[in-house]
Amino acid sequence: FARAVKPILVAKGEYVLRAGDPGGTLYFVCKGTCAAAFGGEQLEVLTPGKCFGEIALLKILKSMAAGTSRDAACAQNTRVADIVAQEDCELFQLEVDAARTLLKMSPNIMMTMEDMAKR
């Protein structure tokens, strides 16, 4: 898992992603806080230990398993909210290709991702 995730730094006020962007990356908040918002209304504050992007990633992986190309699956599963760093943040990101490789090595991770998506 440690080789599959990549650390990224996001400055305060910077968008991590925007509603309507293609999906394909799962993010874990390691340090700092991010806000999830839609239409200017804050939906949730994401603190260390929280993640976002799991629903789109899960849908993309299932679409790809059914034969949809990676690009088409990502384009069909867009982001539903804006995520903005409320302070300087350290995040880990798990891209769809790395997640797919990880699932091949450890299929039980899919159940964990499905549990995360239910929250």
PDB file of N, CA and C in Angstrom:
ATOM      1  N   PHE A   1       0.832  -1.197   0.000  1.00  0.00           N
ATOM      2  CA  PHE A   1       0.000   0.000   0.000  1.00  0.00           C
ATOM      3  C   PHE A   1       0.869   1.249   0.000  1.00  0.00           C
ATOM      4  N   ALA A   2       1.950   1.213   0.772  1.00  0.00           N
ATOM      5  CA  ALA A   2       2.819   2.393   0.886  1.00  0.00           C
ATOM      6  C   ALA A   2       3.414   2.792  -0.459  1.00  0.00           C
ATOM      7  N   ARG A   3       3.680   1.835  -1.331  1.00  0.00           N
ATOM      8  CA  ARG A   3       4.221   2.161  -2.653  1.00  0.00           C
ATOM      9  C   ARG A   3       3.139   2.654  -3.602  1.00  0.00           C
ATOM     10  N   ALA A   4       1.890   2.368  -3.305  1.00  0.00           N
ATOM     11  CA  ALA A   4       0.790   2.730  -4.200  1.00  0.00           C
ATOM     12  C   ALA A   4       0.333   4.173  -4.015  1.00  0.00           C
ATOM     13  N   VAL A   5       0.514   4.715  -2.823  1.00  0.00           N
ATOM     14  CA  VAL A   5       0.057   6.084  -2.563  1.00  0.00           C
ATOM     15  C   VAL A   5       1.211   7.070  -2.739  1.00  0.00           C
ATOM     16  N   LYS A   6       0.835   8.277  -3.158  1.00  0.00           N
ATOM     17  CA  LYS A   6       1.828   9.331  -3.351  1.00  0.00           C
ATOM     18  C   LYS A   6       1.465  10.527  -2.479  1.00  0.00           C
ATOM     19  N   PRO A   7       2.447  11.101  -1.798  1.00  0.00           N
ATOM     20  CA  PRO A   7       2.159  12.290  -0.986  1.00  0.00           C
ATOM     21  C   PRO A   7       2.050  13.530  -1.870  1.00  0.00           C
ATOM     22  N   ILE A   8       1.126  14.412  -1.520  1.00  0.00           N
ATOM     23  CA  ILE A   8       1.035  15.705  -2.193  1.00  0.00           C
ATOM     24  C   ILE A   8       0.818  16.790  -1.141  1.00  0.00           C
ATOM     25  N   LEU A   9       1.273  17.987  -1.449  1.00  0.00           N
ATOM     26  CA  LEU A   9       1.068  19.144  -0.587  1.00  0.00           C
ATOM     27  C   LEU A   9       0.083  20.069  -1.285  1.00  0.00           C
ATOM     28  N   VAL A  10      -0.872  20.579  -0.524  1.00  0.00           N
ATOM     29  CA  VAL A  10      -1.880  21.488  -1.060  1.00  0.00           C
ATOM     30  C   VAL A  10      -1.889  22.734  -0.183  1.00  0.00           C
ATOM     31  N   ALA A  11      -1.715  23.881  -0.792  1.00  0.00           N
ATOM     32  CA  ALA A  11      -1.669  25.140  -0.046  1.00  0.00           C
ATOM     33  C   ALA A  11      -3.073  25.598   0.352  1.00  0.00           C
ATOM     34  N   LYS A  12      -3.136  26.318   1.452  1.00  0.00           N
ATOM     35  CA  LYS A  12      -4.396  26.872   1.931  1.00  0.00           C
ATOM     36  C   LYS A  12      -5.096  27.626   0.791  1.00  0.00           C
ATOM     37  N   GLY A  13      -6.390  27.349   0.624  1.00  0.00           N
ATOM     38  CA  GLY A  13      -7.194  28.014  -0.389  1.00  0.00           C
ATOM     39  C   GLY A  13      -7.164  27.352  -1.753  1.00  0.00           C
ATOM     40  N   GLU A  14      -6.270  26.400  -1.944  1.00  0.00           N
ATOM     41  CA  GLU A  14      -6.143  25.716  -3.233  1.00  0.00           C
ATOM     42  C   GLU A  14      -7.198  24.606  -3.350  1.00  0.00           C
ATOM     43  N   TYR A  15      -7.737  24.460  -4.555  1.00  0.00           N
ATOM     44  CA  TYR A  15      -8.685  23.373  -4.815  1.00  0.00           C
ATOM     45  C   TYR A  15      -7.914  22.075  -5.013  1.00  0.00           C
ATOM     46  N   VAL A  16      -8.340  21.035  -4.323  1.00  0.00           N
ATOM     47  CA  VAL A  16      -7.802  19.704  -4.569  1.00  0.00           C
ATOM     48  C   VAL A  16      -8.509  19.146  -5.797  1.00  0.00           C
ATOM     49  N   LEU A  17      -9.810  19.346  -5.854  1.00  0.00           N
ATOM     50  CA  LEU A  17     -10.614  18.956  -7.003  1.00  0.00           C
ATOM     51  C   LEU A  17     -11.882  19.798  -7.035  1.00  0.00           C
ATOM     52  N   ARG A  18     -12.523  19.789  -8.196  1.00  0.00           N
ATOM     53  CA  ARG A  18     -13.752  20.572  -8.389  1.00  0.00           C
ATOM     54  C   ARG A  18     -14.881  19.662  -8.852  1.00  0.00           C
ATOM     55  N   ALA A  19     -16.096  20.013  -8.452  1.00  0.00           N
ATOM     56  CA  ALA A  19     -17.271  19.275  -8.907  1.00  0.00           C
ATOM     57  C   ALA A  19     -17.263  19.253 -10.428  1.00  0.00           C
ATOM     58  N   GLY A  20     -17.522  18.086 -10.993  1.00  0.00           N
ATOM     59  CA  GLY A  20     -17.525  17.930 -12.443  1.00  0.00           C
ATOM     60  C   GLY A  20     -16.228  17.410 -13.013  1.00  0.00           C
ATOM     61  N   ASP A  21     -15.127  17.490 -12.235  1.00  0.00           N
ATOM     62  CA  ASP A  21     -13.855  16.922 -12.695  1.00  0.00           C
ATOM     63  C   ASP A  21     -14.005  15.407 -12.822  1.00  0.00           C
ATOM     64  N   PRO A  22     -13.267  14.796 -13.750  1.00  0.00           N
ATOM     65  CA  PRO A  22     -13.288  13.328 -13.825  1.00  0.00           C
ATOM     66  C   PRO A  22     -12.763  12.726 -12.530  1.00  0.00           C
ATOM     67  N   GLY A  23     -13.317  11.588 -12.156  1.00  0.00           N
ATOM     68  CA  GLY A  23     -12.842  10.880 -10.976  1.00  0.00           C
ATOM     69  C   GLY A  23     -11.579  10.110 -11.303  1.00  0.00           C
ATOM     70  N   GLY A  24     -11.119   9.319 -10.361  1.00  0.00           N
ATOM     71  CA  GLY A  24      -9.962   8.467 -10.621  1.00  0.00           C
ATOM     72  C   GLY A  24      -8.901   8.494  -9.550  1.00  0.00           C
ATOM     73  N   THR A  25      -9.088   9.309  -8.522  1.00  0.00           N
ATOM     74  CA  THR A  25      -8.103   9.390  -7.443  1.00  0.00           C
ATOM     75  C   THR A  25      -8.814   9.417  -6.099  1.00  0.00           C
ATOM     76  N   LEU A  26      -8.306   8.628  -5.185  1.00  0.00           N
ATOM     77  CA  LEU A  26      -8.760   8.613  -3.800  1.00  0.00           C
ATOM     78  C   LEU A  26      -7.729   9.387  -2.991  1.00  0.00           C
ATOM     79  N   TYR A  27      -8.193  10.264  -2.121  1.00  0.00           N
ATOM     80  CA  TYR A  27      -7.303  11.089  -1.302  1.00  0.00           C
ATOM     81  C   TYR A  27      -7.501  10.776   0.175  1.00  0.00           C
ATOM     82  N   PHE A  28      -6.394  10.767   0.910  1.00  0.00           N
ATOM     83  CA  PHE A  28      -6.396  10.607   2.358  1.00  0.00           C
ATOM     84  C   PHE A  28      -5.818  11.874   2.966  1.00  0.00           C
ATOM     85  N   VAL A  29      -6.507  12.457   3.931  1.00  0.00           N
ATOM     86  CA  VAL A  29      -6.005  13.650   4.610  1.00  0.00           C
ATOM     87  C   VAL A  29      -5.047  13.190   5.716  1.00  0.00           C
ATOM     88  N   CYS A  30      -3.797  13.635   5.626  1.00  0.00           N
ATOM     89  CA  CYS A  30      -2.784  13.275   6.623  1.00  0.00           C
ATOM     90  C   CYS A  30      -2.548  14.410   7.606  1.00  0.00           C
ATOM     91  N   LYS A  31      -2.544  15.634   7.104  1.00  0.00           N
ATOM     92  CA  LYS A  31      -2.290  16.795   7.951  1.00  0.00           C
ATOM     93  C   LYS A  31      -3.071  17.968   7.372  1.00  0.00           C
ATOM     94  N   GLY A  32      -3.666  18.770   8.243  1.00  0.00           N
ATOM     95  CA  GLY A  32      -4.459  19.910   7.800  1.00  0.00           C
ATOM     96  C   GLY A  32      -5.924  19.543   7.644  1.00  0.00           C
ATOM     97  N   THR A  33      -6.709  20.484   7.148  1.00  0.00           N
ATOM     98  CA  THR A  33      -8.129  20.235   6.926  1.00  0.00           C
ATOM     99  C   THR A  33      -8.534  20.734   5.544  1.00  0.00           C
ATOM    100  N   CYS A  34      -9.488  20.033   4.970  1.00  0.00           N
ATOM    101  CA  CYS A  34     -10.086  20.414   3.695  1.00  0.00           C
ATOM    102  C   CYS A  34     -11.586  20.540   3.911  1.00  0.00           C
ATOM    103  N   ALA A  35     -12.233  21.316   3.059  1.00  0.00           N
ATOM    104  CA  ALA A  35     -13.682  21.457   3.120  1.00  0.00           C
ATOM    105  C   ALA A  35     -14.283  20.916   1.832  1.00  0.00           C
ATOM    106  N   ALA A  36     -15.334  20.133   1.989  1.00  0.00           N
ATOM    107  CA  ALA A  36     -16.124  19.666   0.848  1.00  0.00           C
ATOM    108  C   ALA A  36     -17.306  20.609   0.728  1.00  0.00           C
ATOM    109  N   ALA A  37     -17.513  21.153  -0.473  1.00  0.00           N
ATOM    110  CA  ALA A  37     -18.599  22.114  -0.686  1.00  0.00           C
ATOM    111  C   ALA A  37     -19.251  21.859  -2.038  1.00  0.00           C
ATOM    112  N   PHE A  38     -20.528  22.221  -2.109  1.00  0.00           N
ATOM    113  CA  PHE A  38     -21.257  22.141  -3.370  1.00  0.00           C
ATOM    114  C   PHE A  38     -22.159  23.363  -3.475  1.00  0.00           C
ATOM    115  N   GLY A  39     -22.049  24.058  -4.585  1.00  0.00           N
ATOM    116  CA  GLY A  39     -22.883  25.243  -4.786  1.00  0.00           C
ATOM    117  C   GLY A  39     -22.638  26.315  -3.742  1.00  0.00           C
ATOM    118  N   GLY A  40     -21.416  26.388  -3.235  1.00  0.00           N
ATOM    119  CA  GLY A  40     -21.082  27.388  -2.233  1.00  0.00           C
ATOM    120  C   GLY A  40     -21.452  27.002  -0.812  1.00  0.00           C
ATOM    121  N   GLU A  41     -22.105  25.859  -0.630  1.00  0.00           N
ATOM    122  CA  GLU A  41     -22.506  25.409   0.711  1.00  0.00           C
ATOM    123  C   GLU A  41     -21.546  24.333   1.199  1.00  0.00           C
ATOM    124  N   GLN A  42     -20.966  24.548   2.383  1.00  0.00           N
ATOM    125  CA  GLN A  42     -20.043  23.569   2.951  1.00  0.00           C
ATOM    126  C   GLN A  42     -20.806  22.332   3.388  1.00  0.00           C
ATOM    127  N   LEU A  43     -20.324  21.178   2.950  1.00  0.00           N
ATOM    128  CA  LEU A  43     -20.973  19.909   3.264  1.00  0.00           C
ATOM    129  C   LEU A  43     -20.287  19.175   4.416  1.00  0.00           C
ATOM    130  N   GLU A  44     -18.959  19.269   4.450  1.00  0.00           N
ATOM    131  CA  GLU A  44     -18.199  18.504   5.436  1.00  0.00           C
ATOM    132  C   GLU A  44     -16.804  19.087   5.576  1.00  0.00           C
ATOM    133  N   VAL A  45     -16.240  18.956   6.761  1.00  0.00           N
ATOM    134  CA  VAL A  45     -14.838  19.299   6.993  1.00  0.00           C
ATOM    135  C   VAL A  45     -14.082  17.976   7.077  1.00  0.00           C
ATOM    136  N   LEU A  46     -13.046  17.881   6.286  1.00  0.00           N
ATOM    137  CA  LEU A  46     -12.254  16.658   6.202  1.00  0.00           C
ATOM    138  C   LEU A  46     -10.962  16.849   6.980  1.00  0.00           C
ATOM    139  N   THR A  47     -10.821  16.121   8.056  1.00  0.00           N
ATOM    140  CA  THR A  47      -9.689  16.233   8.974  1.00  0.00           C
ATOM    141  C   THR A  47      -8.758  15.028   8.800  1.00  0.00           C
ATOM    142  N   PRO A  48      -7.578  15.066   9.411  1.00  0.00           N
ATOM    143  CA  PRO A  48      -6.667  13.927   9.288  1.00  0.00           C
ATOM    144  C   PRO A  48      -7.350  12.599   9.636  1.00  0.00           C
ATOM    145  N   GLY A  49      -7.102  11.620   8.784  1.00  0.00           N
ATOM    146  CA  GLY A  49      -7.723  10.314   8.934  1.00  0.00           C
ATOM    147  C   GLY A  49      -8.928  10.118   8.022  1.00  0.00           C
ATOM    148  N   LYS A  50      -9.462  11.214   7.501  1.00  0.00           N
ATOM    149  CA  LYS A  50     -10.614  11.123   6.591  1.00  0.00           C
ATOM    150  C   LYS A  50     -10.104  10.961   5.160  1.00  0.00           C
ATOM    151  N   CYS A  51     -10.993  10.498   4.299  1.00  0.00           N
ATOM    152  CA  CYS A  51     -10.648  10.357   2.894  1.00  0.00           C
ATOM    153  C   CYS A  51     -11.793  10.880   2.037  1.00  0.00           C
ATOM    154  N   PHE A  52     -11.490  11.107   0.773  1.00  0.00           N
ATOM    155  CA  PHE A  52     -12.523  11.510  -0.175  1.00  0.00           C
ATOM    156  C   PHE A  52     -12.138  11.014  -1.564  1.00  0.00           C
ATOM    157  N   GLY A  53     -13.135  10.814  -2.400  1.00  0.00           N
ATOM    158  CA  GLY A  53     -12.919  10.291  -3.741  1.00  0.00           C
ATOM    159  C   GLY A  53     -13.133   8.796  -3.848  1.00  0.00           C
ATOM    160  N   GLU A  54     -13.497   8.165  -2.738  1.00  0.00           N
ATOM    161  CA  GLU A  54     -13.624   6.709  -2.728  1.00  0.00           C
ATOM    162  C   GLU A  54     -14.814   6.217  -3.551  1.00  0.00           C
ATOM    163  N   ILE A  55     -15.897   6.977  -3.592  1.00  0.00           N
ATOM    164  CA  ILE A  55     -17.083   6.523  -4.333  1.00  0.00           C
ATOM    165  C   ILE A  55     -16.787   6.483  -5.831  1.00  0.00           C
ATOM    166  N   ALA A  56     -16.213   7.562  -6.361  1.00  0.00           N
ATOM    167  CA  ALA A  56     -15.877   7.595  -7.789  1.00  0.00           C
ATOM    168  C   ALA A  56     -14.858   6.518  -8.129  1.00  0.00           C
ATOM    169  N   LEU A  57     -13.841   6.365  -7.291  1.00  0.00           N
ATOM    170  CA  LEU A  57     -12.817   5.367  -7.572  1.00  0.00           C
ATOM    171  C   LEU A  57     -13.417   3.966  -7.599  1.00  0.00           C
ATOM    172  N   LEU A  58     -14.280   3.673  -6.662  1.00  0.00           N
ATOM    173  CA  LEU A  58     -14.925   2.363  -6.603  1.00  0.00           C
ATOM    174  C   LEU A  58     -15.773   2.117  -7.851  1.00  0.00           C
ATOM    175  N   LYS A  59     -16.538   3.118  -8.266  1.00  0.00           N
ATOM    176  CA  LYS A  59     -17.359   2.981  -9.475  1.00  0.00           C
ATOM    177  C   LYS A  59     -16.492   2.792 -10.712  1.00  0.00           C
ATOM    178  N   ILE A  60     -15.385   3.512 -10.781  1.00  0.00           N
ATOM    179  CA  ILE A  60     -14.474   3.396 -11.918  1.00  0.00           C
ATOM    180  C   ILE A  60     -13.865   2.000 -11.979  1.00  0.00           C
ATOM    181  N   LEU A  61     -13.417   1.489 -10.848  1.00  0.00           N
ATOM    182  CA  LEU A  61     -12.833   0.147 -10.820  1.00  0.00           C
ATOM    183  C   LEU A  61     -13.846  -0.908 -11.249  1.00  0.00           C
ATOM    184  N   LYS A  62     -15.085  -0.757 -10.815  1.00  0.00           N
ATOM    185  CA  LYS A  62     -16.133  -1.711 -11.215  1.00  0.00           C
ATOM    186  C   LYS A  62     -16.429  -1.590 -12.708  1.00  0.00           C
ATOM    187  N   SER A  63     -16.461  -0.376 -13.236  1.00  0.00           N
ATOM    188  CA  SER A  63     -16.692  -0.174 -14.670  1.00  0.00           C
ATOM    189  C   SER A  63     -15.564  -0.793 -15.489  1.00  0.00           C
ATOM    190  N   MET A  64     -14.337  -0.599 -15.037  1.00  0.00           N
ATOM    191  CA  MET A  64     -13.188  -1.153 -15.753  1.00  0.00           C
ATOM    192  C   MET A  64     -13.218  -2.681 -15.715  1.00  0.00           C
ATOM    193  N   ALA A  65     -13.640  -3.253 -14.592  1.00  0.00           N
ATOM    194  CA  ALA A  65     -13.745  -4.712 -14.485  1.00  0.00           C
ATOM    195  C   ALA A  65     -14.799  -5.255 -15.456  1.00  0.00           C
ATOM    196  N   ALA A  66     -15.790  -4.413 -15.776  1.00  0.00           N
ATOM    197  CA  ALA A  66     -16.847  -4.813 -16.713  1.00  0.00           C
ATOM    198  C   ALA A  66     -16.462  -4.536 -18.164  1.00  0.00           C
ATOM    199  N   GLY A  67     -15.240  -4.014 -18.394  1.00  0.00           N
ATOM    200  CA  GLY A  67     -14.769  -3.824 -19.749  1.00  0.00           C
ATOM    201  C   GLY A  67     -14.710  -2.392 -20.250  1.00  0.00           C
ATOM    202  N   THR A  68     -15.122  -1.430 -19.440  1.00  0.00           N
ATOM    203  CA  THR A  68     -15.043  -0.022 -19.838  1.00  0.00           C
ATOM    204  C   THR A  68     -13.593   0.430 -19.767  1.00  0.00           C
ATOM    205  N   SER A  69     -13.168   1.248 -20.732  1.00  0.00           N
ATOM    206  CA  SER A  69     -11.795   1.745 -20.697  1.00  0.00           C
ATOM    207  C   SER A  69     -11.596   2.670 -19.500  1.00  0.00           C
ATOM    208  N   ARG A  70     -10.347   2.811 -19.093  1.00  0.00           N
ATOM    209  CA  ARG A  70     -10.012   3.672 -17.955  1.00  0.00           C
ATOM    210  C   ARG A  70     -10.505   5.090 -18.187  1.00  0.00           C
ATOM    211  N   ASP A  71     -10.180   5.658 -19.344  1.00  0.00           N
ATOM    212  CA  ASP A  71     -10.564   7.046 -19.619  1.00  0.00           C
ATOM    213  C   ASP A  71     -12.071   7.231 -19.635  1.00  0.00           C
ATOM    214  N   ALA A  72     -12.791   6.296 -20.251  1.00  0.00           N
ATOM    215  CA  ALA A  72     -14.250   6.395 -20.300  1.00  0.00           C
ATOM    216  C   ALA A  72     -14.850   6.260 -18.903  1.00  0.00           C
ATOM    217  N   ALA A  73     -14.322   5.338 -18.114  1.00  0.00           N
ATOM    218  CA  ALA A  73     -14.832   5.141 -16.754  1.00  0.00           C
ATOM    219  C   ALA A  73     -14.612   6.389 -15.901  1.00  0.00           C
ATOM    220  N   CYS A  74     -13.440   7.017 -16.030  1.00  0.00           N
ATOM    221  CA  CYS A  74     -13.151   8.240 -15.268  1.00  0.00           C
ATOM    222  C   CYS A  74     -14.067   9.378 -15.714  1.00  0.00           C
ATOM    223  N   ALA A  75     -14.285   9.496 -17.025  1.00  0.00           N
ATOM    224  CA  ALA A  75     -15.141  10.567 -17.543  1.00  0.00           C
ATOM    225  C   ALA A  75     -16.600  10.392 -17.125  1.00  0.00           C
ATOM    226  N   GLN A  76     -17.038   9.163 -16.953  1.00  0.00           N
ATOM    227  CA  GLN A  76     -18.418   8.880 -16.567  1.00  0.00           C
ATOM    228  C   GLN A  76     -18.662   9.071 -15.075  1.00  0.00           C
ATOM    229  N   ASN A  77     -17.614   9.094 -14.293  1.00  0.00           N
ATOM    230  CA  ASN A  77     -17.731   9.201 -12.833  1.00  0.00           C
ATOM    231  C   ASN A  77     -17.037  10.468 -12.367  1.00  0.00           C
ATOM    232  N   THR A  78     -17.771  11.558 -12.434  1.00  0.00           N
ATOM    233  CA  THR A  78     -17.203  12.860 -12.105  1.00  0.00           C
ATOM    234  C   THR A  78     -17.389  13.188 -10.629  1.00  0.00           C
ATOM    235  N   ARG A  79     -16.634  14.169 -10.190  1.00  0.00           N
ATOM    236  CA  ARG A  79     -16.683  14.623  -8.795  1.00  0.00           C
ATOM    237  C   ARG A  79     -18.007  15.329  -8.514  1.00  0.00           C
ATOM    238  N   VAL A  80     -18.530  15.130  -7.331  1.00  0.00           N
ATOM    239  CA  VAL A  80     -19.821  15.725  -6.974  1.00  0.00           C
ATOM    240  C   VAL A  80     -19.685  16.955  -6.085  1.00  0.00           C
ATOM    241  N   ALA A  81     -18.461  17.243  -5.636  1.00  0.00           N
ATOM    242  CA  ALA A  81     -18.252  18.396  -4.750  1.00  0.00           C
ATOM    243  C   ALA A  81     -16.885  19.004  -5.012  1.00  0.00           C
ATOM    244  N   ASP A  82     -16.735  20.251  -4.597  1.00  0.00           N
ATOM    245  CA  ASP A  82     -15.429  20.901  -4.584  1.00  0.00           C
ATOM    246  C   ASP A  82     -14.741  20.521  -3.280  1.00  0.00           C
ATOM    247  N   ILE A  83     -13.441  20.307  -3.343  1.00  0.00           N
ATOM    248  CA  ILE A  83     -12.643  20.089  -2.134  1.00  0.00           C
ATOM    249  C   ILE A  83     -11.562  21.161  -2.120  1.00  0.00           C
ATOM    250  N   VAL A  84     -11.562  21.961  -1.045  1.00  0.00           N
ATOM    251  CA  VAL A  84     -10.631  23.076  -0.917  1.00  0.00           C
ATOM    252  C   VAL A  84      -9.851  22.933   0.385  1.00  0.00           C
ATOM    253  N   ALA A  85      -8.551  23.171   0.316  1.00  0.00           N
ATOM    254  CA  ALA A  85      -7.725  23.142   1.527  1.00  0.00           C
ATOM    255  C   ALA A  85      -8.050  24.350   2.389  1.00  0.00           C
ATOM    256  N   GLN A  86      -8.420  24.120   3.639  1.00  0.00           N
ATOM    257  CA  GLN A  86      -8.700  25.210   4.572  1.00  0.00           C
ATOM    258  C   GLN A  86      -7.434  25.710   5.245  1.00  0.00           C
ATOM    259  N   GLU A  87      -6.389  24.920   5.169  1.00  0.00           N
ATOM    260  CA  GLU A  87      -5.061  25.282   5.648  1.00  0.00           C
ATOM    261  C   GLU A  87      -4.080  24.469   4.826  1.00  0.00           C
ATOM    262  N   ASP A  88      -2.811  24.723   4.951  1.00  0.00           N
ATOM    263  CA  ASP A  88      -1.837  23.909   4.225  1.00  0.00           C
ATOM    264  C   ASP A  88      -2.052  22.449   4.604  1.00  0.00           C
ATOM    265  N   CYS A  89      -2.105  21.578   3.595  1.00  0.00           N
ATOM    266  CA  CYS A  89      -2.443  20.174   3.836  1.00  0.00           C
ATOM    267  C   CYS A  89      -1.414  19.234   3.230  1.00  0.00           C
ATOM    268  N   GLU A  90      -1.279  18.109   3.886  1.00  0.00           N
ATOM    269  CA  GLU A  90      -0.538  16.978   3.342  1.00  0.00           C
ATOM    270  C   GLU A  90      -1.562  15.884   3.096  1.00  0.00           C
ATOM    271  N   LEU A  91      -1.614  15.420   1.852  1.00  0.00           N
ATOM    272  CA  LEU A  91      -2.547  14.367   1.466  1.00  0.00           C
ATOM    273  C   LEU A  91      -1.767  13.210   0.859  1.00  0.00           C
ATOM    274  N   PHE A  92      -2.349  12.033   0.914  1.00  0.00           N
ATOM    275  CA  PHE A  92      -1.879  10.910   0.124  1.00  0.00           C
ATOM    276  C   PHE A  92      -2.910  10.688  -0.964  1.00  0.00           C
ATOM    277  N   GLN A  93      -2.452  10.392  -2.168  1.00  0.00           N
ATOM    278  CA  GLN A  93      -3.383  10.099  -3.244  1.00  0.00           C
ATOM    279  C   GLN A  93      -3.136   8.691  -3.778  1.00  0.00           C
ATOM    280  N   LEU A  94      -4.222   8.033  -4.110  1.00  0.00           N
ATOM    281  CA  LEU A  94      -4.188   6.701  -4.699  1.00  0.00           C
ATOM    282  C   LEU A  94      -4.887   6.790  -6.046  1.00  0.00           C
ATOM    283  N   GLU A  95      -4.112   6.708  -7.115  1.00  0.00           N
ATOM    284  CA  GLU A  95      -4.641   6.797  -8.473  1.00  0.00           C
ATOM    285  C   GLU A  95      -5.295   5.474  -8.871  1.00  0.00           C
ATOM    286  N   VAL A  96      -6.192   5.541  -9.833  1.00  0.00           N
ATOM    287  CA  VAL A  96      -6.951   4.362 -10.254  1.00  0.00           C
ATOM    288  C   VAL A  96      -6.038   3.222 -10.708  1.00  0.00           C
ATOM    289  N   ASP A  97      -4.977   3.509 -11.438  1.00  0.00           N
ATOM    290  CA  ASP A  97      -4.090   2.439 -11.910  1.00  0.00           C
ATOM    291  C   ASP A  97      -3.384   1.747 -10.752  1.00  0.00           C
ATOM    292  N   ALA A  98      -2.936   2.533  -9.782  1.00  0.00           N
ATOM    293  CA  ALA A  98      -2.290   1.950  -8.601  1.00  0.00           C
ATOM    294  C   ALA A  98      -3.296   1.153  -7.774  1.00  0.00           C
ATOM    295  N   ALA A  99      -4.535   1.653  -7.684  1.00  0.00           N
ATOM    296  CA  ALA A  99      -5.580   0.938  -6.946  1.00  0.00           C
ATOM    297  C   ALA A  99      -5.892  -0.395  -7.610  1.00  0.00           C
ATOM    298  N   ARG A 100      -5.916  -0.385  -8.917  1.00  0.00           N
ATOM    299  CA  ARG A 100      -6.201  -1.621  -9.660  1.00  0.00           C
ATOM    300  C   ARG A 100      -5.115  -2.664  -9.404  1.00  0.00           C
ATOM    301  N   THR A 101      -3.859  -2.229  -9.431  1.00  0.00           N
ATOM    302  CA  THR A 101      -2.740  -3.133  -9.145  1.00  0.00           C
ATOM    303  C   THR A 101      -2.830  -3.649  -7.714  1.00  0.00           C
ATOM    304  N   LEU A 102      -3.133  -2.764  -6.803  1.00  0.00           N
ATOM    305  CA  LEU A 102      -3.264  -3.131  -5.393  1.00  0.00           C
ATOM    306  C   LEU A 102      -4.368  -4.168  -5.190  1.00  0.00           C
ATOM    307  N   LEU A 103      -5.483  -3.995  -5.891  1.00  0.00           N
ATOM    308  CA  LEU A 103      -6.601  -4.938  -5.777  1.00  0.00           C
ATOM    309  C   LEU A 103      -6.235  -6.317  -6.316  1.00  0.00           C
ATOM    310  N   LYS A 104      -5.411  -6.358  -7.326  1.00  0.00           N
ATOM    311  CA  LYS A 104      -4.978  -7.651  -7.858  1.00  0.00           C
ATOM    312  C   LYS A 104      -4.142  -8.404  -6.824  1.00  0.00           C
ATOM    313  N   MET A 105      -3.333  -7.655  -6.064  1.00  0.00           N
ATOM    314  CA  MET A 105      -2.476  -8.274  -5.050  1.00  0.00           C
ATOM    315  C   MET A 105      -3.267  -8.623  -3.789  1.00  0.00           C
ATOM    316  N   SER A 106      -4.299  -7.830  -3.486  1.00  0.00           N
ATOM    317  CA  SER A 106      -5.054  -8.011  -2.251  1.00  0.00           C
ATOM    318  C   SER A 106      -6.530  -7.687  -2.493  1.00  0.00           C
ATOM    319  N   PRO A 107      -7.290  -8.638  -3.043  1.00  0.00           N
ATOM    320  CA  PRO A 107      -8.690  -8.389  -3.399  1.00  0.00           C
ATOM    321  C   PRO A 107      -9.586  -7.959  -2.238  1.00  0.00           C
ATOM    322  N   ASN A 108      -9.220  -8.282  -1.014  1.00  0.00           N
ATOM    323  CA  ASN A 108     -10.053  -7.900   0.133  1.00  0.00           C
ATOM    324  C   ASN A 108     -10.094  -6.392   0.356  1.00  0.00           C
ATOM    325  N   ILE A 109      -9.193  -5.658  -0.278  1.00  0.00           N
ATOM    326  CA  ILE A 109      -9.200  -4.202  -0.158  1.00  0.00           C
ATOM    327  C   ILE A 109     -10.476  -3.628  -0.759  1.00  0.00           C
ATOM    328  N   MET A 110     -11.064  -4.310  -1.749  1.00  0.00           N
ATOM    329  CA  MET A 110     -12.317  -3.848  -2.354  1.00  0.00           C
ATOM    330  C   MET A 110     -13.411  -3.756  -1.297  1.00  0.00           C
ATOM    331  N   MET A 111     -13.475  -4.733  -0.405  1.00  0.00           N
ATOM    332  CA  MET A 111     -14.493  -4.689   0.660  1.00  0.00           C
ATOM    333  C   MET A 111     -14.258  -3.491   1.572  1.00  0.00           C
ATOM    334  N   THR A 112     -13.011  -3.195   1.883  1.00  0.00           N
ATOM    335  CA  THR A 112     -12.691  -2.037   2.710  1.00  0.00           C
ATOM    336  C   THR A 112     -13.121  -0.749   2.010  1.00  0.00           C
ATOM    337  N   MET A 113     -12.866  -0.659   0.718  1.00  0.00           N
ATOM    338  CA  MET A 113     -13.270   0.526  -0.042  1.00  0.00           C
ATOM    339  C   MET A 113     -14.794   0.655  -0.078  1.00  0.00           C
ATOM    340  N   GLU A 114     -15.481  -0.457  -0.223  1.00  0.00           N
ATOM    341  CA  GLU A 114     -16.949  -0.412  -0.229  1.00  0.00           C
ATOM    342  C   GLU A 114     -17.476   0.051   1.127  1.00  0.00           C
ATOM    343  N   ASP A 115     -16.839  -0.404   2.198  1.00  0.00           N
ATOM    344  CA  ASP A 115     -17.228   0.059   3.544  1.00  0.00           C
ATOM    345  C   ASP A 115     -16.994   1.559   3.692  1.00  0.00           C
ATOM    346  N   MET A 116     -15.866   2.060   3.167  1.00  0.00           N
ATOM    347  CA  MET A 116     -15.570   3.497   3.229  1.00  0.00           C
ATOM    348  C   MET A 116     -16.624   4.281   2.469  1.00  0.00           C
ATOM    349  N   ALA A 117     -17.055   3.771   1.343  1.00  0.00           N
ATOM    350  CA  ALA A 117     -18.027   4.471   0.505  1.00  0.00           C
ATOM    351  C   ALA A 117     -19.402   4.549   1.161  1.00  0.00           C
ATOM    352  N   LYS A 118     -19.696   3.621   2.057  1.00  0.00           N
ATOM    353  CA  LYS A 118     -21.000   3.588   2.735  1.00  0.00           C
ATOM    354  C   LYS A 118     -21.123   4.643   3.833  1.00  0.00           C
ATOM    355  N   ARG A 119     -20.013   5.180   4.304  1.00  0.00           N
ATOM    356  CA  ARG A 119     -20.049   6.107   5.436  1.00  0.00           C
ATOM    357  C   ARG A 119     -20.723   7.406   5.087  1.00  0.00           C
TER     358      ARG A 119
END
